[in-house]
Amino acid sequence: MANSVYQNHKNINQSIEFRGLKAQYIWYLGGGVVVLLVLFAGMYILGLPPLVCVAIVLLLGTLLVLKIYRMSKTYGEHGLMKRLAQRQIPRVISSRTRAVFIKPDNR
């Protein structure tokens, strides 16, 4: 009977990473590229010279890539979602009256 060789998958339950981009930032970059493609097509249809269109799209594309890589490095896999959720939590809960705690519930 021959010995079987099985691979050990060590990256189970790990987030997807592609060239330093983690998890949802890959999708953000893909969406940004699609938006840049539509922007280029719109500018070209409007009659702008092709070199101007390419220059604008390259500049915006470079800024997009730098911004997304910075966000991926700063916040990591879930940090951006946690940051956005944290903004929705009120800093202070204030009650001007004690009636909520004193009045019995009439059910």
N, C-alpha and C. Protein backbone atom coordinates (compact mmCIF):
# COMPACT_ATOMS: atom_id res chain seq x y z
N MET A 1 0.85 -1.17 0.00
CA MET A 1 0.00 0.00 0.00
C MET A 1 0.90 1.24 0.00
N ALA A 2 0.63 2.17 -0.90
CA ALA A 2 1.46 3.36 -1.04
C ALA A 2 1.07 4.41 -0.01
N ASN A 3 2.07 5.17 0.42
CA ASN A 3 1.80 6.27 1.35
C ASN A 3 1.16 7.43 0.61
N SER A 4 0.16 8.03 1.22
CA SER A 4 -0.49 9.19 0.64
C SER A 4 0.10 10.46 1.23
N VAL A 5 0.22 11.47 0.40
CA VAL A 5 0.74 12.75 0.85
C VAL A 5 -0.39 13.77 0.77
N TYR A 6 -0.71 14.37 1.90
CA TYR A 6 -1.78 15.35 1.96
C TYR A 6 -1.19 16.72 2.26
N GLN A 7 -1.75 17.73 1.60
CA GLN A 7 -1.30 19.09 1.86
C GLN A 7 -1.96 19.61 3.12
N ASN A 8 -1.21 20.39 3.87
CA ASN A 8 -1.74 21.01 5.08
C ASN A 8 -2.08 22.46 4.74
N HIS A 9 -3.36 22.82 4.81
CA HIS A 9 -3.79 24.18 4.48
C HIS A 9 -3.74 25.03 5.75
N LYS A 10 -2.71 25.83 5.87
CA LYS A 10 -2.51 26.61 7.09
C LYS A 10 -3.27 27.93 7.09
N ASN A 11 -3.76 28.36 5.96
CA ASN A 11 -4.41 29.67 5.88
C ASN A 11 -5.92 29.59 5.90
N ILE A 12 -6.46 28.57 6.53
CA ILE A 12 -7.91 28.47 6.66
C ILE A 12 -8.37 29.54 7.64
N ASN A 13 -9.49 30.18 7.34
CA ASN A 13 -10.08 31.26 8.14
C ASN A 13 -9.22 32.53 8.16
N GLN A 14 -8.33 32.67 7.21
CA GLN A 14 -7.55 33.90 7.07
C GLN A 14 -8.21 34.76 5.99
N SER A 15 -8.08 36.07 6.12
CA SER A 15 -8.64 36.95 5.11
C SER A 15 -7.81 36.87 3.84
N ILE A 16 -8.45 37.19 2.73
CA ILE A 16 -7.77 37.18 1.44
C ILE A 16 -6.80 38.35 1.40
N GLU A 17 -5.62 38.10 0.86
CA GLU A 17 -4.64 39.18 0.72
C GLU A 17 -4.02 39.08 -0.66
N PHE A 18 -3.93 40.21 -1.35
CA PHE A 18 -3.35 40.27 -2.68
C PHE A 18 -2.41 41.46 -2.75
N ARG A 19 -1.14 41.19 -2.83
CA ARG A 19 -0.10 42.23 -2.91
C ARG A 19 -0.23 43.29 -1.83
N GLY A 20 -0.53 42.87 -0.62
CA GLY A 20 -0.63 43.78 0.50
C GLY A 20 -2.01 44.31 0.78
N LEU A 21 -2.94 44.16 -0.17
CA LEU A 21 -4.32 44.59 0.06
C LEU A 21 -5.06 43.49 0.79
N LYS A 22 -5.79 43.86 1.83
CA LYS A 22 -6.48 42.87 2.64
C LYS A 22 -7.99 42.97 2.42
N ALA A 23 -8.63 41.83 2.39
CA ALA A 23 -10.08 41.66 2.45
C ALA A 23 -10.84 42.59 1.51
N GLN A 24 -11.66 43.48 2.07
CA GLN A 24 -12.58 44.28 1.25
C GLN A 24 -11.87 45.33 0.43
N TYR A 25 -10.62 45.65 0.73
CA TYR A 25 -9.91 46.69 -0.02
C TYR A 25 -9.63 46.24 -1.46
N ILE A 26 -9.57 44.94 -1.69
CA ILE A 26 -9.43 44.43 -3.06
C ILE A 26 -10.65 44.83 -3.87
N TRP A 27 -11.83 44.70 -3.26
CA TRP A 27 -13.07 45.07 -3.95
C TRP A 27 -13.14 46.58 -4.15
N TYR A 28 -12.68 47.36 -3.17
CA TYR A 28 -12.68 48.81 -3.31
C TYR A 28 -11.80 49.23 -4.49
N LEU A 29 -10.65 48.60 -4.62
CA LEU A 29 -9.75 48.93 -5.72
C LEU A 29 -10.37 48.54 -7.06
N GLY A 30 -11.01 47.38 -7.11
CA GLY A 30 -11.68 46.95 -8.34
C GLY A 30 -12.79 47.91 -8.74
N GLY A 31 -13.59 48.34 -7.76
CA GLY A 31 -14.65 49.31 -8.04
C GLY A 31 -14.09 50.63 -8.50
N GLY A 32 -12.98 51.06 -7.91
CA GLY A 32 -12.35 52.31 -8.32
C GLY A 32 -11.84 52.25 -9.75
N VAL A 33 -11.30 51.10 -10.15
CA VAL A 33 -10.82 50.94 -11.52
C VAL A 33 -11.99 51.01 -12.50
N VAL A 34 -13.12 50.40 -12.14
CA VAL A 34 -14.30 50.47 -13.01
C VAL A 34 -14.79 51.91 -13.14
N VAL A 35 -14.80 52.65 -12.03
CA VAL A 35 -15.22 54.06 -12.07
C VAL A 35 -14.27 54.87 -12.96
N LEU A 36 -12.96 54.60 -12.86
CA LEU A 36 -12.00 55.31 -13.70
C LEU A 36 -12.20 54.97 -15.18
N LEU A 37 -12.55 53.73 -15.47
CA LEU A 37 -12.81 53.34 -16.85
C LEU A 37 -14.03 54.08 -17.40
N VAL A 38 -15.08 54.16 -16.62
CA VAL A 38 -16.28 54.89 -17.04
C VAL A 38 -15.97 56.39 -17.19
N LEU A 39 -15.16 56.94 -16.28
CA LEU A 39 -14.76 58.34 -16.37
C LEU A 39 -13.99 58.60 -17.66
N PHE A 40 -13.06 57.71 -17.99
CA PHE A 40 -12.29 57.87 -19.23
C PHE A 40 -13.22 57.83 -20.44
N ALA A 41 -14.15 56.88 -20.45
CA ALA A 41 -15.07 56.77 -21.58
C ALA A 41 -15.93 58.03 -21.69
N GLY A 42 -16.40 58.55 -20.57
CA GLY A 42 -17.21 59.76 -20.59
C GLY A 42 -16.45 60.97 -21.10
N MET A 43 -15.21 61.12 -20.65
CA MET A 43 -14.41 62.26 -21.12
C MET A 43 -14.09 62.13 -22.60
N TYR A 44 -13.84 60.91 -23.05
CA TYR A 44 -13.52 60.68 -24.47
C TYR A 44 -14.74 60.97 -25.34
N ILE A 45 -15.92 60.56 -24.87
CA ILE A 45 -17.15 60.81 -25.62
C ILE A 45 -17.46 62.31 -25.68
N LEU A 46 -17.14 63.03 -24.61
CA LEU A 46 -17.37 64.48 -24.58
C LEU A 46 -16.43 65.24 -25.51
N GLY A 47 -15.38 64.58 -26.01
CA GLY A 47 -14.51 65.21 -26.99
C GLY A 47 -13.19 65.72 -26.46
N LEU A 48 -12.83 65.38 -25.23
CA LEU A 48 -11.52 65.78 -24.73
C LEU A 48 -10.44 65.00 -25.47
N PRO A 49 -9.27 65.61 -25.66
CA PRO A 49 -8.18 64.89 -26.33
C PRO A 49 -7.79 63.64 -25.53
N PRO A 50 -7.48 62.55 -26.23
CA PRO A 50 -7.17 61.29 -25.54
C PRO A 50 -6.01 61.40 -24.55
N LEU A 51 -5.00 62.20 -24.86
CA LEU A 51 -3.87 62.33 -23.94
C LEU A 51 -4.28 63.00 -22.63
N VAL A 52 -5.19 63.96 -22.73
CA VAL A 52 -5.70 64.61 -21.52
C VAL A 52 -6.50 63.61 -20.70
N CYS A 53 -7.33 62.81 -21.37
CA CYS A 53 -8.12 61.79 -20.67
C CYS A 53 -7.20 60.80 -19.96
N VAL A 54 -6.18 60.34 -20.66
CA VAL A 54 -5.25 59.37 -20.07
C VAL A 54 -4.51 59.99 -18.89
N ALA A 55 -4.07 61.24 -19.04
CA ALA A 55 -3.35 61.90 -17.95
C ALA A 55 -4.22 62.04 -16.70
N ILE A 56 -5.47 62.45 -16.89
CA ILE A 56 -6.38 62.61 -15.74
C ILE A 56 -6.65 61.27 -15.07
N VAL A 57 -6.91 60.24 -15.89
CA VAL A 57 -7.21 58.91 -15.33
C VAL A 57 -5.98 58.34 -14.63
N LEU A 58 -4.79 58.53 -15.18
CA LEU A 58 -3.57 58.04 -14.51
C LEU A 58 -3.34 58.75 -13.18
N LEU A 59 -3.55 60.05 -13.16
CA LEU A 59 -3.38 60.80 -11.92
C LEU A 59 -4.37 60.33 -10.86
N LEU A 60 -5.65 60.24 -11.24
CA LEU A 60 -6.67 59.80 -10.29
C LEU A 60 -6.47 58.34 -9.88
N GLY A 61 -6.02 57.50 -10.82
CA GLY A 61 -5.74 56.10 -10.51
C GLY A 61 -4.61 55.95 -9.52
N THR A 62 -3.57 56.75 -9.68
CA THR A 62 -2.45 56.72 -8.73
C THR A 62 -2.90 57.14 -7.35
N LEU A 63 -3.69 58.21 -7.28
CA LEU A 63 -4.21 58.66 -5.98
C LEU A 63 -5.11 57.60 -5.36
N LEU A 64 -5.92 56.94 -6.17
CA LEU A 64 -6.81 55.88 -5.69
C LEU A 64 -6.02 54.73 -5.09
N VAL A 65 -5.00 54.27 -5.80
CA VAL A 65 -4.20 53.14 -5.32
C VAL A 65 -3.48 53.51 -4.03
N LEU A 66 -2.89 54.70 -3.97
CA LEU A 66 -2.18 55.12 -2.76
C LEU A 66 -3.13 55.21 -1.57
N LYS A 67 -4.31 55.78 -1.79
CA LYS A 67 -5.29 55.93 -0.71
C LYS A 67 -5.78 54.57 -0.21
N ILE A 68 -6.06 53.65 -1.11
CA ILE A 68 -6.57 52.34 -0.70
C ILE A 68 -5.49 51.53 0.00
N TYR A 69 -4.25 51.59 -0.47
CA TYR A 69 -3.17 50.89 0.23
C TYR A 69 -2.96 51.48 1.62
N ARG A 70 -3.07 52.80 1.75
CA ARG A 70 -2.92 53.44 3.06
C ARG A 70 -4.04 53.00 4.00
N MET A 71 -5.28 52.95 3.50
CA MET A 71 -6.40 52.50 4.33
C MET A 71 -6.23 51.04 4.73
N SER A 72 -5.75 50.20 3.81
CA SER A 72 -5.55 48.79 4.12
C SER A 72 -4.48 48.61 5.19
N LYS A 73 -3.43 49.40 5.10
CA LYS A 73 -2.36 49.30 6.09
C LYS A 73 -2.79 49.87 7.44
N THR A 74 -3.56 50.96 7.43
CA THR A 74 -3.98 51.62 8.67
C THR A 74 -5.03 50.83 9.41
N TYR A 75 -6.08 50.42 8.72
CA TYR A 75 -7.23 49.82 9.38
C TYR A 75 -7.22 48.29 9.38
N GLY A 76 -6.55 47.66 8.45
CA GLY A 76 -6.53 46.21 8.41
C GLY A 76 -7.83 45.63 7.90
N GLU A 77 -8.07 44.37 8.29
CA GLU A 77 -9.20 43.62 7.72
C GLU A 77 -10.55 44.20 8.12
N HIS A 78 -10.78 44.42 9.41
CA HIS A 78 -12.09 44.87 9.88
C HIS A 78 -12.07 46.27 10.48
N GLY A 79 -10.92 46.91 10.53
CA GLY A 79 -10.78 48.18 11.23
C GLY A 79 -11.61 49.32 10.66
N LEU A 80 -11.75 49.38 9.34
CA LEU A 80 -12.53 50.46 8.73
C LEU A 80 -14.00 50.32 9.09
N MET A 81 -14.52 49.09 9.07
CA MET A 81 -15.93 48.89 9.44
C MET A 81 -16.15 49.22 10.91
N LYS A 82 -15.18 48.87 11.77
CA LYS A 82 -15.29 49.21 13.19
C LYS A 82 -15.26 50.72 13.38
N ARG A 83 -14.42 51.40 12.63
CA ARG A 83 -14.31 52.86 12.72
C ARG A 83 -15.62 53.53 12.30
N LEU A 84 -16.22 53.04 11.21
CA LEU A 84 -17.49 53.61 10.74
C LEU A 84 -18.62 53.31 11.72
N ALA A 85 -18.60 52.13 12.34
CA ALA A 85 -19.64 51.78 13.31
C ALA A 85 -19.48 52.59 14.59
N GLN A 86 -18.25 52.90 14.96
CA GLN A 86 -17.99 53.65 16.19
C GLN A 86 -18.56 55.06 16.12
N ARG A 87 -18.63 55.62 14.93
CA ARG A 87 -19.18 56.97 14.78
C ARG A 87 -20.67 57.02 15.07
N GLN A 88 -21.35 55.89 14.97
CA GLN A 88 -22.79 55.88 15.18
C GLN A 88 -23.17 55.67 16.63
N ILE A 89 -22.21 55.38 17.49
CA ILE A 89 -22.49 55.21 18.91
C ILE A 89 -22.52 56.60 19.55
N PRO A 90 -23.58 56.92 20.30
CA PRO A 90 -23.62 58.25 20.93
C PRO A 90 -22.56 58.37 22.02
N ARG A 91 -21.98 59.54 22.14
CA ARG A 91 -20.95 59.75 23.16
C ARG A 91 -21.57 59.84 24.55
N VAL A 92 -22.75 60.46 24.64
CA VAL A 92 -23.40 60.66 25.93
C VAL A 92 -24.88 60.33 25.77
N ILE A 93 -25.43 59.62 26.74
CA ILE A 93 -26.87 59.40 26.80
C ILE A 93 -27.37 60.24 27.96
N SER A 94 -28.24 61.19 27.66
CA SER A 94 -28.73 62.08 28.71
C SER A 94 -30.23 61.90 28.89
N SER A 95 -30.65 61.98 30.13
CA SER A 95 -32.07 61.91 30.46
C SER A 95 -32.39 63.12 31.31
N ARG A 96 -33.37 63.92 30.90
CA ARG A 96 -33.72 65.14 31.61
C ARG A 96 -34.68 64.89 32.76
N THR A 97 -35.24 63.69 32.79
CA THR A 97 -36.21 63.38 33.84
C THR A 97 -35.95 61.97 34.38
N ARG A 98 -36.36 61.76 35.64
CA ARG A 98 -36.21 60.44 36.24
C ARG A 98 -37.48 59.60 36.08
N ALA A 99 -38.45 60.13 35.36
CA ALA A 99 -39.74 59.45 35.22
C ALA A 99 -39.60 58.05 34.61
N VAL A 100 -38.65 57.88 33.78
CA VAL A 100 -38.44 56.57 33.17
C VAL A 100 -38.13 55.52 34.23
N PHE A 101 -37.45 55.92 35.28
CA PHE A 101 -37.03 54.98 36.31
C PHE A 101 -38.04 54.87 37.46
N ILE A 102 -38.89 55.87 37.63
CA ILE A 102 -39.80 55.92 38.78
C ILE A 102 -41.17 55.35 38.45
N LYS A 103 -41.76 55.74 37.33
CA LYS A 103 -43.12 55.32 36.99
C LYS A 103 -43.18 53.81 36.78
N PRO A 104 -44.18 53.15 37.37
CA PRO A 104 -44.34 51.71 37.11
C PRO A 104 -44.88 51.49 35.71
N ASP A 105 -44.56 50.37 35.17
CA ASP A 105 -45.02 50.03 33.83
C ASP A 105 -46.46 49.55 33.92
N ASN A 106 -47.39 50.20 33.22
CA ASN A 106 -48.83 49.88 33.28
C ASN A 106 -49.19 48.90 32.18
N ARG A 107 -48.93 47.66 32.43
CA ARG A 107 -49.30 46.64 31.44
C ARG A 107 -50.37 45.76 31.96
